[in-house]
Amino acid sequence: APDVLHRHIKSITDSSAKHLHFQAPEIDDELNQITTAVDIYSLGMVTLE
């Protein structure tokens, strides 16, 4: 991926937990096998809203 994409990555904090309905189910998975599909899920949820 281009370096430009890596400069704008954000992570969730406790204060942003109010938006968890946009969170993919894999985030809570104990195996932590998170892929780019998580981003696609979140984009779909935001688009649906």
C-alpha atoms as a PDB file:
ATOM      1  CA  ALA A   1       0.000   0.000   0.000  1.00  0.00           C
ATOM      2  CA  PRO A   2       1.185   3.542  -0.656  1.00  0.00           C
ATOM      3  CA  ASP A   3       2.863   5.367   2.225  1.00  0.00           C
ATOM      4  CA  VAL A   4       0.144   8.037   2.093  1.00  0.00           C
ATOM      5  CA  LEU A   5      -2.395   5.509   3.372  1.00  0.00           C
ATOM      6  CA  HIS A   6      -0.316   4.660   6.416  1.00  0.00           C
ATOM      7  CA  ARG A   7      -0.126   8.279   7.606  1.00  0.00           C
ATOM      8  CA  HIS A   8      -3.866   8.596   8.180  1.00  0.00           C
ATOM      9  CA  ILE A   9      -4.594   5.405  10.096  1.00  0.00           C
ATOM     10  CA  LYS A  10      -6.652   5.927  13.238  1.00  0.00           C
ATOM     11  CA  SER A  11      -7.285   3.514  16.061  1.00  0.00           C
ATOM     12  CA  ILE A  12     -10.242   3.225  18.393  1.00  0.00           C
ATOM     13  CA  THR A  13     -10.000   4.621  21.893  1.00  0.00           C
ATOM     14  CA  ASP A  14     -12.333   4.281  24.834  1.00  0.00           C
ATOM     15  CA  SER A  15     -13.790   7.719  24.099  1.00  0.00           C
ATOM     16  CA  SER A  16     -14.823   6.666  20.583  1.00  0.00           C
ATOM     17  CA  ALA A  17     -16.593   3.509  21.765  1.00  0.00           C
ATOM     18  CA  LYS A  18     -19.967   5.130  21.064  1.00  0.00           C
ATOM     19  CA  HIS A  19     -19.579   4.221  17.362  1.00  0.00           C
ATOM     20  CA  LEU A  20     -19.260   0.477  17.901  1.00  0.00           C
ATOM     21  CA  HIS A  21     -22.261  -0.269  15.658  1.00  0.00           C
ATOM     22  CA  PHE A  22     -19.888   0.421  12.741  1.00  0.00           C
ATOM     23  CA  GLN A  23     -17.423  -2.121  14.112  1.00  0.00           C
ATOM     24  CA  ALA A  24     -17.080  -5.421  12.287  1.00  0.00           C
ATOM     25  CA  PRO A  25     -17.843  -8.546  14.335  1.00  0.00           C
ATOM     26  CA  GLU A  26     -14.286  -9.792  13.782  1.00  0.00           C
ATOM     27  CA  ILE A  27     -12.932  -7.073  16.074  1.00  0.00           C
ATOM     28  CA  ASP A  28     -14.288  -8.937  19.113  1.00  0.00           C
ATOM     29  CA  ASP A  29     -12.902 -12.265  17.883  1.00  0.00           C
ATOM     30  CA  GLU A  30     -10.370 -13.741  20.285  1.00  0.00           C
ATOM     31  CA  LEU A  31      -8.195 -15.009  17.426  1.00  0.00           C
ATOM     32  CA  ASN A  32      -7.509 -11.430  16.236  1.00  0.00           C
ATOM     33  CA  GLN A  33      -7.522 -12.435  12.569  1.00  0.00           C
ATOM     34  CA  ILE A  34      -8.441  -8.964  11.366  1.00  0.00           C
ATOM     35  CA  THR A  35      -8.135  -8.294   7.630  1.00  0.00           C
ATOM     36  CA  THR A  36      -9.137  -5.511   5.271  1.00  0.00           C
ATOM     37  CA  ALA A  37     -12.628  -7.053   5.257  1.00  0.00           C
ATOM     38  CA  VAL A  38     -13.181  -5.199   8.542  1.00  0.00           C
ATOM     39  CA  ASP A  39     -12.755  -1.891   6.711  1.00  0.00           C
ATOM     40  CA  ILE A  40     -15.153  -2.988   3.970  1.00  0.00           C
ATOM     41  CA  TYR A  41     -17.751  -3.944   6.597  1.00  0.00           C
ATOM     42  CA  SER A  42     -17.434  -0.539   8.284  1.00  0.00           C
ATOM     43  CA  LEU A  43     -17.674   1.263   4.945  1.00  0.00           C
ATOM     44  CA  GLY A  44     -20.820  -0.691   4.123  1.00  0.00           C
ATOM     45  CA  MET A  45     -22.382   0.204   7.469  1.00  0.00           C
ATOM     46  CA  VAL A  46     -21.592   3.889   7.025  1.00  0.00           C
ATOM     47  CA  THR A  47     -22.929   3.824   3.457  1.00  0.00           C
ATOM     48  CA  LEU A  48     -26.101   2.089   4.613  1.00  0.00           C
ATOM     49  CA  GLU A  49     -26.693   4.794   7.221  1.00  0.00           C
END
